[in-house]
Amino acid sequence: MIAEKAILNAGFDKTVQATIISCVDPSIGKYKVRYQDGYWYAFSNNIDLTYSNGSNVYVLIPNGNMSNIKTIIGAVNQLGINYVSITEGGFEYATIGNDVL
């Protein structure tokens, strides 16, 4: 029960696919994006990249909290449809079987 409560209350980053609506401020990489039926602002993690209106992008939502500043990680067509963000600290695991990481 204690572990279940801790898991339910833990904050996890969430990565979603969103659509670029417009570039609001290219000098800081600020974009208006659409996710499901909502619109909000997200910032590119690389201001040297520009995204076209209508582009599908991955957006990181820290702690799954929509009131946090959201970050555009990259375009879906560049990172792939099954993109998985790297965990904090650089730990990565590769699936090598049905039950082994």
PDB file of N, CA and C in Angstrom:
ATOM      1  N   MET A   1       0.810  -1.188   0.000  1.00  0.00           N
ATOM      2  CA  MET A   1       0.000   0.000   0.000  1.00  0.00           C
ATOM      3  C   MET A   1       0.860   1.260   0.000  1.00  0.00           C
ATOM      4  N   ILE A   2       1.934   1.260   0.758  1.00  0.00           N
ATOM      5  CA  ILE A   2       2.801   2.438   0.799  1.00  0.00           C
ATOM      6  C   ILE A   2       3.431   2.666  -0.566  1.00  0.00           C
ATOM      7  N   ALA A   3       3.905   1.590  -1.190  1.00  0.00           N
ATOM      8  CA  ALA A   3       4.534   1.711  -2.508  1.00  0.00           C
ATOM      9  C   ALA A   3       3.525   2.177  -3.553  1.00  0.00           C
ATOM     10  N   GLU A   4       2.309   1.649  -3.505  1.00  0.00           N
ATOM     11  CA  GLU A   4       1.281   2.054  -4.460  1.00  0.00           C
ATOM     12  C   GLU A   4       0.975   3.545  -4.331  1.00  0.00           C
ATOM     13  N   LYS A   5       0.890   4.032  -3.094  1.00  0.00           N
ATOM     14  CA  LYS A   5       0.614   5.447  -2.872  1.00  0.00           C
ATOM     15  C   LYS A   5       1.771   6.300  -3.392  1.00  0.00           C
ATOM     16  N   ALA A   6       2.997   5.856  -3.156  1.00  0.00           N
ATOM     17  CA  ALA A   6       4.178   6.597  -3.629  1.00  0.00           C
ATOM     18  C   ALA A   6       4.200   6.658  -5.147  1.00  0.00           C
ATOM     19  N   ILE A   7       3.848   5.568  -5.794  1.00  0.00           N
ATOM     20  CA  ILE A   7       3.830   5.536  -7.263  1.00  0.00           C
ATOM     21  C   ILE A   7       2.746   6.462  -7.804  1.00  0.00           C
ATOM     22  N   LEU A   8       1.574   6.432  -7.187  1.00  0.00           N
ATOM     23  CA  LEU A   8       0.481   7.295  -7.642  1.00  0.00           C
ATOM     24  C   LEU A   8       0.822   8.775  -7.488  1.00  0.00           C
ATOM     25  N   ASN A   9       1.603   9.116  -6.462  1.00  0.00           N
ATOM     26  CA  ASN A   9       1.948  10.514  -6.199  1.00  0.00           C
ATOM     27  C   ASN A   9       3.244  10.951  -6.873  1.00  0.00           C
ATOM     28  N   ALA A  10       3.978  10.016  -7.454  1.00  0.00           N
ATOM     29  CA  ALA A  10       5.248  10.360  -8.091  1.00  0.00           C
ATOM     30  C   ALA A  10       5.007  11.118  -9.386  1.00  0.00           C
ATOM     31  N   GLY A  11       5.885  12.058  -9.657  1.00  0.00           N
ATOM     32  CA  GLY A  11       5.772  12.820 -10.900  1.00  0.00           C
ATOM     33  C   GLY A  11       6.590  12.174 -11.993  1.00  0.00           C
ATOM     34  N   PHE A  12       5.996  11.943 -13.118  1.00  0.00           N
ATOM     35  CA  PHE A  12       6.678  11.362 -14.258  1.00  0.00           C
ATOM     36  C   PHE A  12       6.548  12.309 -15.443  1.00  0.00           C
ATOM     37  N   ASP A  13       7.647  12.469 -16.169  1.00  0.00           N
ATOM     38  CA  ASP A  13       7.576  13.260 -17.386  1.00  0.00           C
ATOM     39  C   ASP A  13       6.725  12.516 -18.397  1.00  0.00           C
ATOM     40  N   LYS A  14       6.014  13.263 -19.194  1.00  0.00           N
ATOM     41  CA  LYS A  14       5.143  12.684 -20.211  1.00  0.00           C
ATOM     42  C   LYS A  14       5.565  13.244 -21.557  1.00  0.00           C
ATOM     43  N   THR A  15       5.670  12.383 -22.569  1.00  0.00           N
ATOM     44  CA  THR A  15       5.982  12.821 -23.915  1.00  0.00           C
ATOM     45  C   THR A  15       4.770  12.546 -24.793  1.00  0.00           C
ATOM     46  N   VAL A  16       4.312  13.589 -25.496  1.00  0.00           N
ATOM     47  CA  VAL A  16       3.129  13.467 -26.343  1.00  0.00           C
ATOM     48  C   VAL A  16       3.462  13.940 -27.754  1.00  0.00           C
ATOM     49  N   GLN A  17       2.657  13.514 -28.711  1.00  0.00           N
ATOM     50  CA  GLN A  17       2.770  14.027 -30.075  1.00  0.00           C
ATOM     51  C   GLN A  17       1.795  15.186 -30.224  1.00  0.00           C
ATOM     52  N   ALA A  18       2.317  16.322 -30.686  1.00  0.00           N
ATOM     53  CA  ALA A  18       1.494  17.517 -30.886  1.00  0.00           C
ATOM     54  C   ALA A  18       1.746  18.055 -32.290  1.00  0.00           C
ATOM     55  N   THR A  19       0.933  19.004 -32.700  1.00  0.00           N
ATOM     56  CA  THR A  19       1.047  19.607 -34.025  1.00  0.00           C
ATOM     57  C   THR A  19       1.401  21.084 -33.884  1.00  0.00           C
ATOM     58  N   ILE A  20       2.410  21.524 -34.648  1.00  0.00           N
ATOM     59  CA  ILE A  20       2.791  22.929 -34.643  1.00  0.00           C
ATOM     60  C   ILE A  20       1.685  23.740 -35.316  1.00  0.00           C
ATOM     61  N   ILE A  21       1.203  24.768 -34.637  1.00  0.00           N
ATOM     62  CA  ILE A  21       0.205  25.679 -35.192  1.00  0.00           C
ATOM     63  C   ILE A  21       0.903  26.896 -35.777  1.00  0.00           C
ATOM     64  N   SER A  22       1.831  27.469 -35.004  1.00  0.00           N
ATOM     65  CA  SER A  22       2.569  28.633 -35.494  1.00  0.00           C
ATOM     66  C   SER A  22       3.802  28.869 -34.640  1.00  0.00           C
ATOM     67  N   CYS A  23       4.762  29.585 -35.214  1.00  0.00           N
ATOM     68  CA  CYS A  23       5.937  30.025 -34.474  1.00  0.00           C
ATOM     69  C   CYS A  23       5.596  31.378 -33.872  1.00  0.00           C
ATOM     70  N   VAL A  24       5.665  31.479 -32.569  1.00  0.00           N
ATOM     71  CA  VAL A  24       5.295  32.708 -31.872  1.00  0.00           C
ATOM     72  C   VAL A  24       6.494  33.645 -31.758  1.00  0.00           C
ATOM     73  N   ASP A  25       7.663  33.084 -31.406  1.00  0.00           N
ATOM     74  CA  ASP A  25       8.879  33.893 -31.246  1.00  0.00           C
ATOM     75  C   ASP A  25      10.090  33.043 -31.619  1.00  0.00           C
ATOM     76  N   PRO A  26      10.602  33.190 -32.849  1.00  0.00           N
ATOM     77  CA  PRO A  26      11.728  32.358 -33.287  1.00  0.00           C
ATOM     78  C   PRO A  26      13.018  32.605 -32.507  1.00  0.00           C
ATOM     79  N   SER A  27      13.167  33.781 -31.902  1.00  0.00           N
ATOM     80  CA  SER A  27      14.402  34.078 -31.172  1.00  0.00           C
ATOM     81  C   SER A  27      14.553  33.229 -29.917  1.00  0.00           C
ATOM     82  N   ILE A  28      13.433  32.728 -29.382  1.00  0.00           N
ATOM     83  CA  ILE A  28      13.490  31.851 -28.206  1.00  0.00           C
ATOM     84  C   ILE A  28      12.903  30.471 -28.494  1.00  0.00           C
ATOM     85  N   GLY A  29      12.539  30.214 -29.741  1.00  0.00           N
ATOM     86  CA  GLY A  29      11.997  28.915 -30.122  1.00  0.00           C
ATOM     87  C   GLY A  29      10.633  28.625 -29.532  1.00  0.00           C
ATOM     88  N   LYS A  30       9.796  29.650 -29.410  1.00  0.00           N
ATOM     89  CA  LYS A  30       8.463  29.479 -28.830  1.00  0.00           C
ATOM     90  C   LYS A  30       7.441  29.198 -29.929  1.00  0.00           C
ATOM     91  N   TYR A  31       6.683  28.112 -29.743  1.00  0.00           N
ATOM     92  CA  TYR A  31       5.675  27.693 -30.716  1.00  0.00           C
ATOM     93  C   TYR A  31       4.331  27.499 -30.037  1.00  0.00           C
ATOM     94  N   LYS A  32       3.280  27.757 -30.795  1.00  0.00           N
ATOM     95  CA  LYS A  32       1.936  27.385 -30.366  1.00  0.00           C
ATOM     96  C   LYS A  32       1.678  26.008 -30.942  1.00  0.00           C
ATOM     97  N   VAL A  33       1.260  25.069 -30.088  1.00  0.00           N
ATOM     98  CA  VAL A  33       1.026  23.696 -30.529  1.00  0.00           C
ATOM     99  C   VAL A  33      -0.376  23.255 -30.145  1.00  0.00           C
ATOM    100  N   ARG A  34      -0.855  22.234 -30.858  1.00  0.00           N
ATOM    101  CA  ARG A  34      -2.162  21.643 -30.560  1.00  0.00           C
ATOM    102  C   ARG A  34      -1.940  20.204 -30.133  1.00  0.00           C
ATOM    103  N   TYR A  35      -2.570  19.828 -29.036  1.00  0.00           N
ATOM    104  CA  TYR A  35      -2.564  18.441 -28.573  1.00  0.00           C
ATOM    105  C   TYR A  35      -4.001  18.082 -28.226  1.00  0.00           C
ATOM    106  N   GLN A  36      -4.505  17.068 -28.891  1.00  0.00           N
ATOM    107  CA  GLN A  36      -5.910  16.686 -28.783  1.00  0.00           C
ATOM    108  C   GLN A  36      -6.761  17.913 -29.099  1.00  0.00           C
ATOM    109  N   ASP A  37      -7.576  18.399 -28.183  1.00  0.00           N
ATOM    110  CA  ASP A  37      -8.427  19.556 -28.464  1.00  0.00           C
ATOM    111  C   ASP A  37      -7.920  20.838 -27.815  1.00  0.00           C
ATOM    112  N   GLY A  38      -6.695  20.799 -27.268  1.00  0.00           N
ATOM    113  CA  GLY A  38      -6.172  21.964 -26.576  1.00  0.00           C
ATOM    114  C   GLY A  38      -5.014  22.620 -27.306  1.00  0.00           C
ATOM    115  N   TYR A  39      -4.799  23.876 -27.020  1.00  0.00           N
ATOM    116  CA  TYR A  39      -3.697  24.649 -27.587  1.00  0.00           C
ATOM    117  C   TYR A  39      -2.861  25.209 -26.442  1.00  0.00           C
ATOM    118  N   TRP A  40      -1.545  25.141 -26.579  1.00  0.00           N
ATOM    119  CA  TRP A  40      -0.650  25.717 -25.591  1.00  0.00           C
ATOM    120  C   TRP A  40       0.689  26.023 -26.221  1.00  0.00           C
ATOM    121  N   TYR A  41       1.608  26.580 -25.439  1.00  0.00           N
ATOM    122  CA  TYR A  41       2.917  26.977 -25.943  1.00  0.00           C
ATOM    123  C   TYR A  41       3.983  25.983 -25.488  1.00  0.00           C
ATOM    124  N   ALA A  42       4.942  25.761 -26.371  1.00  0.00           N
ATOM    125  CA  ALA A  42       6.082  24.899 -26.060  1.00  0.00           C
ATOM    126  C   ALA A  42       7.319  25.535 -26.669  1.00  0.00           C
ATOM    127  N   PHE A  43       8.461  25.214 -26.079  1.00  0.00           N
ATOM    128  CA  PHE A  43       9.724  25.787 -26.515  1.00  0.00           C
ATOM    129  C   PHE A  43      10.615  24.709 -27.118  1.00  0.00           C
ATOM    130  N   SER A  44      11.234  25.027 -28.245  1.00  0.00           N
ATOM    131  CA  SER A  44      12.145  24.094 -28.901  1.00  0.00           C
ATOM    132  C   SER A  44      13.393  23.914 -28.049  1.00  0.00           C
ATOM    133  N   ASN A  45      13.902  22.684 -27.983  1.00  0.00           N
ATOM    134  CA  ASN A  45      15.148  22.453 -27.250  1.00  0.00           C
ATOM    135  C   ASN A  45      16.360  22.851 -28.088  1.00  0.00           C
ATOM    136  N   ASN A  46      16.130  23.281 -29.341  1.00  0.00           N
ATOM    137  CA  ASN A  46      17.204  23.727 -30.227  1.00  0.00           C
ATOM    138  C   ASN A  46      16.661  24.858 -31.092  1.00  0.00           C
ATOM    139  N   ILE A  47      17.015  26.100 -30.743  1.00  0.00           N
ATOM    140  CA  ILE A  47      16.449  27.236 -31.480  1.00  0.00           C
ATOM    141  C   ILE A  47      17.017  27.352 -32.892  1.00  0.00           C
ATOM    142  N   ASP A  48      18.051  26.573 -33.221  1.00  0.00           N
ATOM    143  CA  ASP A  48      18.580  26.568 -34.586  1.00  0.00           C
ATOM    144  C   ASP A  48      17.676  25.783 -35.538  1.00  0.00           C
ATOM    145  N   LEU A  49      16.794  24.940 -34.979  1.00  0.00           N
ATOM    146  CA  LEU A  49      15.831  24.198 -35.792  1.00  0.00           C
ATOM    147  C   LEU A  49      14.529  24.980 -35.861  1.00  0.00           C
ATOM    148  N   THR A  50      13.896  24.951 -37.007  1.00  0.00           N
ATOM    149  CA  THR A  50      12.582  25.570 -37.122  1.00  0.00           C
ATOM    150  C   THR A  50      11.585  24.510 -37.570  1.00  0.00           C
ATOM    151  N   TYR A  51      10.369  24.641 -37.109  1.00  0.00           N
ATOM    152  CA  TYR A  51       9.311  23.695 -37.437  1.00  0.00           C
ATOM    153  C   TYR A  51       8.250  24.416 -38.256  1.00  0.00           C
ATOM    154  N   SER A  52       7.790  23.763 -39.297  1.00  0.00           N
ATOM    155  CA  SER A  52       6.743  24.326 -40.158  1.00  0.00           C
ATOM    156  C   SER A  52       5.378  24.126 -39.522  1.00  0.00           C
ATOM    157  N   ASN A  53       4.466  25.025 -39.844  1.00  0.00           N
ATOM    158  CA  ASN A  53       3.085  24.856 -39.387  1.00  0.00           C
ATOM    159  C   ASN A  53       2.561  23.517 -39.894  1.00  0.00           C
ATOM    160  N   GLY A  54       1.919  22.768 -39.020  1.00  0.00           N
ATOM    161  CA  GLY A  54       1.382  21.457 -39.380  1.00  0.00           C
ATOM    162  C   GLY A  54       2.323  20.309 -39.083  1.00  0.00           C
ATOM    163  N   SER A  55       3.581  20.607 -38.696  1.00  0.00           N
ATOM    164  CA  SER A  55       4.534  19.541 -38.374  1.00  0.00           C
ATOM    165  C   SER A  55       4.116  18.819 -37.103  1.00  0.00           C
ATOM    166  N   ASN A  56       4.294  17.506 -37.084  1.00  0.00           N
ATOM    167  CA  ASN A  56       4.051  16.719 -35.877  1.00  0.00           C
ATOM    168  C   ASN A  56       5.355  16.633 -35.099  1.00  0.00           C
ATOM    169  N   VAL A  57       5.282  16.963 -33.808  1.00  0.00           N
ATOM    170  CA  VAL A  57       6.470  16.997 -32.957  1.00  0.00           C
ATOM    171  C   VAL A  57       6.210  16.261 -31.654  1.00  0.00           C
ATOM    172  N   TYR A  58       7.314  15.840 -31.013  1.00  0.00           N
ATOM    173  CA  TYR A  58       7.227  15.294 -29.663  1.00  0.00           C
ATOM    174  C   TYR A  58       7.416  16.435 -28.684  1.00  0.00           C
ATOM    175  N   VAL A  59       6.546  16.498 -27.675  1.00  0.00           N
ATOM    176  CA  VAL A  59       6.618  17.535 -26.658  1.00  0.00           C
ATOM    177  C   VAL A  59       6.728  16.871 -25.291  1.00  0.00           C
ATOM    178  N   LEU A  60       7.723  17.312 -24.524  1.00  0.00           N
ATOM    179  CA  LEU A  60       7.944  16.803 -23.170  1.00  0.00           C
ATOM    180  C   LEU A  60       7.186  17.674 -22.178  1.00  0.00           C
ATOM    181  N   ILE A  61       6.380  17.022 -21.334  1.00  0.00           N
ATOM    182  CA  ILE A  61       5.619  17.712 -20.295  1.00  0.00           C
ATOM    183  C   ILE A  61       6.203  17.270 -18.950  1.00  0.00           C
ATOM    184  N   PRO A  62       7.002  18.146 -18.306  1.00  0.00           N
ATOM    185  CA  PRO A  62       7.648  17.764 -17.040  1.00  0.00           C
ATOM    186  C   PRO A  62       6.642  17.395 -15.962  1.00  0.00           C
ATOM    187  N   ASN A  63       6.882  16.266 -15.327  1.00  0.00           N
ATOM    188  CA  ASN A  63       6.025  15.743 -14.262  1.00  0.00           C
ATOM    189  C   ASN A  63       4.578  15.554 -14.700  1.00  0.00           C
ATOM    190  N   GLY A  64       4.338  15.508 -16.013  1.00  0.00           N
ATOM    191  CA  GLY A  64       2.986  15.327 -16.516  1.00  0.00           C
ATOM    192  C   GLY A  64       2.060  16.480 -16.175  1.00  0.00           C
ATOM    193  N   ASN A  65       2.636  17.608 -15.747  1.00  0.00           N
ATOM    194  CA  ASN A  65       1.861  18.765 -15.304  1.00  0.00           C
ATOM    195  C   ASN A  65       1.793  19.784 -16.432  1.00  0.00           C
ATOM    196  N   MET A  66       0.613  19.987 -16.972  1.00  0.00           N
ATOM    197  CA  MET A  66       0.440  20.869 -18.122  1.00  0.00           C
ATOM    198  C   MET A  66       0.749  22.335 -17.812  1.00  0.00           C
ATOM    199  N   SER A  67       0.828  22.702 -16.545  1.00  0.00           N
ATOM    200  CA  SER A  67       1.151  24.095 -16.211  1.00  0.00           C
ATOM    201  C   SER A  67       2.662  24.346 -16.252  1.00  0.00           C
ATOM    202  N   ASN A  68       3.476  23.288 -16.348  1.00  0.00           N
ATOM    203  CA  ASN A  68       4.925  23.446 -16.467  1.00  0.00           C
ATOM    204  C   ASN A  68       5.305  23.880 -17.877  1.00  0.00           C
ATOM    205  N   ILE A  69       6.504  24.428 -18.022  1.00  0.00           N
ATOM    206  CA  ILE A  69       7.013  24.801 -19.344  1.00  0.00           C
ATOM    207  C   ILE A  69       7.257  23.519 -20.136  1.00  0.00           C
ATOM    208  N   LYS A  70       6.710  23.469 -21.330  1.00  0.00           N
ATOM    209  CA  LYS A  70       6.806  22.279 -22.176  1.00  0.00           C
ATOM    210  C   LYS A  70       7.916  22.461 -23.214  1.00  0.00           C
ATOM    211  N   THR A  71       8.604  21.362 -23.543  1.00  0.00           N
ATOM    212  CA  THR A  71       9.755  21.405 -24.449  1.00  0.00           C
ATOM    213  C   THR A  71       9.510  20.543 -25.677  1.00  0.00           C
ATOM    214  N   ILE A  72       9.738  21.127 -26.856  1.00  0.00           N
ATOM    215  CA  ILE A  72       9.678  20.364 -28.103  1.00  0.00           C
ATOM    216  C   ILE A  72      11.000  19.618 -28.236  1.00  0.00           C
ATOM    217  N   ILE A  73      10.925  18.292 -28.277  1.00  0.00           N
ATOM    218  CA  ILE A  73      12.125  17.456 -28.362  1.00  0.00           C
ATOM    219  C   ILE A  73      12.580  17.306 -29.802  1.00  0.00           C
ATOM    220  N   GLY A  74      11.645  17.181 -30.717  1.00  0.00           N
ATOM    221  CA  GLY A  74      11.986  17.027 -32.122  1.00  0.00           C
ATOM    222  C   GLY A  74      10.780  16.615 -32.936  1.00  0.00           C
ATOM    223  N   ALA A  75      10.980  16.568 -34.251  1.00  0.00           N
ATOM    224  CA  ALA A  75       9.907  16.198 -35.172  1.00  0.00           C
ATOM    225  C   ALA A  75       9.713  14.690 -35.195  1.00  0.00           C
ATOM    226  N   VAL A  76       8.471  14.269 -35.294  1.00  0.00           N
ATOM    227  CA  VAL A  76       8.146  12.841 -35.332  1.00  0.00           C
ATOM    228  C   VAL A  76       8.835  12.176 -36.525  1.00  0.00           C
ATOM    229  N   ASN A  77       8.844  12.853 -37.683  1.00  0.00           N
ATOM    230  CA  ASN A  77       9.437  12.229 -38.870  1.00  0.00           C
ATOM    231  C   ASN A  77      10.955  12.105 -38.760  1.00  0.00           C
ATOM    232  N   GLN A  78      11.586  12.861 -37.867  1.00  0.00           N
ATOM    233  CA  GLN A  78      13.030  12.755 -37.659  1.00  0.00           C
ATOM    234  C   GLN A  78      13.379  11.722 -36.585  1.00  0.00           C
ATOM    235  N   LEU A  79      12.584  11.672 -35.520  1.00  0.00           N
ATOM    236  CA  LEU A  79      12.885  10.793 -34.390  1.00  0.00           C
ATOM    237  C   LEU A  79      12.207   9.433 -34.505  1.00  0.00           C
ATOM    238  N   GLY A  80      11.207   9.321 -35.353  1.00  0.00           N
ATOM    239  CA  GLY A  80      10.506   8.053 -35.531  1.00  0.00           C
ATOM    240  C   GLY A  80       9.222   8.009 -34.738  1.00  0.00           C
ATOM    241  N   ILE A  81       8.295   7.223 -35.216  1.00  0.00           N
ATOM    242  CA  ILE A  81       6.969   7.133 -34.623  1.00  0.00           C
ATOM    243  C   ILE A  81       6.999   6.479 -33.239  1.00  0.00           C
ATOM    244  N   ASN A  82       8.002   5.637 -32.966  1.00  0.00           N
ATOM    245  CA  ASN A  82       8.086   4.933 -31.681  1.00  0.00           C
ATOM    246  C   ASN A  82       9.180   5.500 -30.799  1.00  0.00           C
ATOM    247  N   TYR A  83       9.402   6.814 -30.856  1.00  0.00           N
ATOM    248  CA  TYR A  83      10.444   7.475 -30.081  1.00  0.00           C
ATOM    249  C   TYR A  83      10.238   7.272 -28.586  1.00  0.00           C
ATOM    250  N   VAL A  84      11.331   6.964 -27.890  1.00  0.00           N
ATOM    251  CA  VAL A  84      11.312   6.856 -26.440  1.00  0.00           C
ATOM    252  C   VAL A  84      12.390   7.786 -25.923  1.00  0.00           C
ATOM    253  N   SER A  85      12.012   8.715 -25.042  1.00  0.00           N
ATOM    254  CA  SER A  85      12.993   9.666 -24.535  1.00  0.00           C
ATOM    255  C   SER A  85      13.997   8.964 -23.630  1.00  0.00           C
ATOM    256  N   ILE A  86      15.216   9.479 -23.628  1.00  0.00           N
ATOM    257  CA  ILE A  86      16.278   8.923 -22.789  1.00  0.00           C
ATOM    258  C   ILE A  86      16.007   9.328 -21.351  1.00  0.00           C
ATOM    259  N   THR A  87      16.206   8.387 -20.437  1.00  0.00           N
ATOM    260  CA  THR A  87      15.945   8.672 -19.038  1.00  0.00           C
ATOM    261  C   THR A  87      17.002   9.598 -18.474  1.00  0.00           C
ATOM    262  N   GLU A  88      16.667  10.295 -17.413  1.00  0.00           N
ATOM    263  CA  GLU A  88      17.586  11.222 -16.772  1.00  0.00           C
ATOM    264  C   GLU A  88      18.821  10.473 -16.292  1.00  0.00           C
ATOM    265  N   GLY A  89      19.976  11.082 -16.451  1.00  0.00           N
ATOM    266  CA  GLY A  89      21.217  10.456 -16.021  1.00  0.00           C
ATOM    267  C   GLY A  89      21.842   9.600 -17.098  1.00  0.00           C
ATOM    268  N   GLY A  90      21.215   9.496 -18.244  1.00  0.00           N
ATOM    269  CA  GLY A  90      21.794   8.773 -19.358  1.00  0.00           C
ATOM    270  C   GLY A  90      21.681   7.265 -19.281  1.00  0.00           C
ATOM    271  N   PHE A  91      20.863   6.747 -18.381  1.00  0.00           N
ATOM    272  CA  PHE A  91      20.695   5.303 -18.304  1.00  0.00           C
ATOM    273  C   PHE A  91      19.766   4.848 -19.416  1.00  0.00           C
ATOM    274  N   GLU A  92      20.224   3.903 -20.203  1.00  0.00           N
ATOM    275  CA  GLU A  92      19.405   3.387 -21.287  1.00  0.00           C
ATOM    276  C   GLU A  92      19.367   1.872 -21.188  1.00  0.00           C
ATOM    277  N   TYR A  93      18.266   1.296 -21.573  1.00  0.00           N
ATOM    278  CA  TYR A  93      18.101  -0.152 -21.561  1.00  0.00           C
ATOM    279  C   TYR A  93      17.585  -0.591 -22.918  1.00  0.00           C
ATOM    280  N   ALA A  94      18.030  -1.725 -23.353  1.00  0.00           N
ATOM    281  CA  ALA A  94      17.567  -2.277 -24.621  1.00  0.00           C
ATOM    282  C   ALA A  94      16.873  -3.608 -24.337  1.00  0.00           C
ATOM    283  N   THR A  95      15.730  -3.806 -24.948  1.00  0.00           N
ATOM    284  CA  THR A  95      15.020  -5.062 -24.787  1.00  0.00           C
ATOM    285  C   THR A  95      15.743  -6.154 -25.557  1.00  0.00           C
ATOM    286  N   ILE A  96      16.078  -7.243 -24.866  1.00  0.00           N
ATOM    287  CA  ILE A  96      16.777  -8.348 -25.534  1.00  0.00           C
ATOM    288  C   ILE A  96      15.976  -9.634 -25.459  1.00  0.00           C
ATOM    289  N   GLY A  97      14.797  -9.564 -24.954  1.00  0.00           N
ATOM    290  CA  GLY A  97      13.935 -10.739 -24.846  1.00  0.00           C
ATOM    291  C   GLY A  97      12.591 -10.308 -24.299  1.00  0.00           C
ATOM    292  N   ASN A  98      11.719 -11.268 -24.092  1.00  0.00           N
ATOM    293  CA  ASN A  98      10.386 -10.924 -23.605  1.00  0.00           C
ATOM    294  C   ASN A  98      10.386 -10.385 -22.178  1.00  0.00           C
ATOM    295  N   ASP A  99      11.284 -10.903 -21.314  1.00  0.00           N
ATOM    296  CA  ASP A  99      11.251 -10.510 -19.907  1.00  0.00           C
ATOM    297  C   ASP A  99      12.555  -9.906 -19.430  1.00  0.00           C
ATOM    298  N   VAL A 100      13.505  -9.652 -20.311  1.00  0.00           N
ATOM    299  CA  VAL A 100      14.813  -9.173 -19.887  1.00  0.00           C
ATOM    300  C   VAL A 100      15.081  -7.825 -20.514  1.00  0.00           C
ATOM    301  N   LEU A 101      15.611  -6.911 -19.724  1.00  0.00           N
ATOM    302  CA  LEU A 101      16.028  -5.612 -20.234  1.00  0.00           C
ATOM    303  C   LEU A 101      17.537  -5.571 -20.312  1.00  0.00           C
TER     304      LEU A 101
END
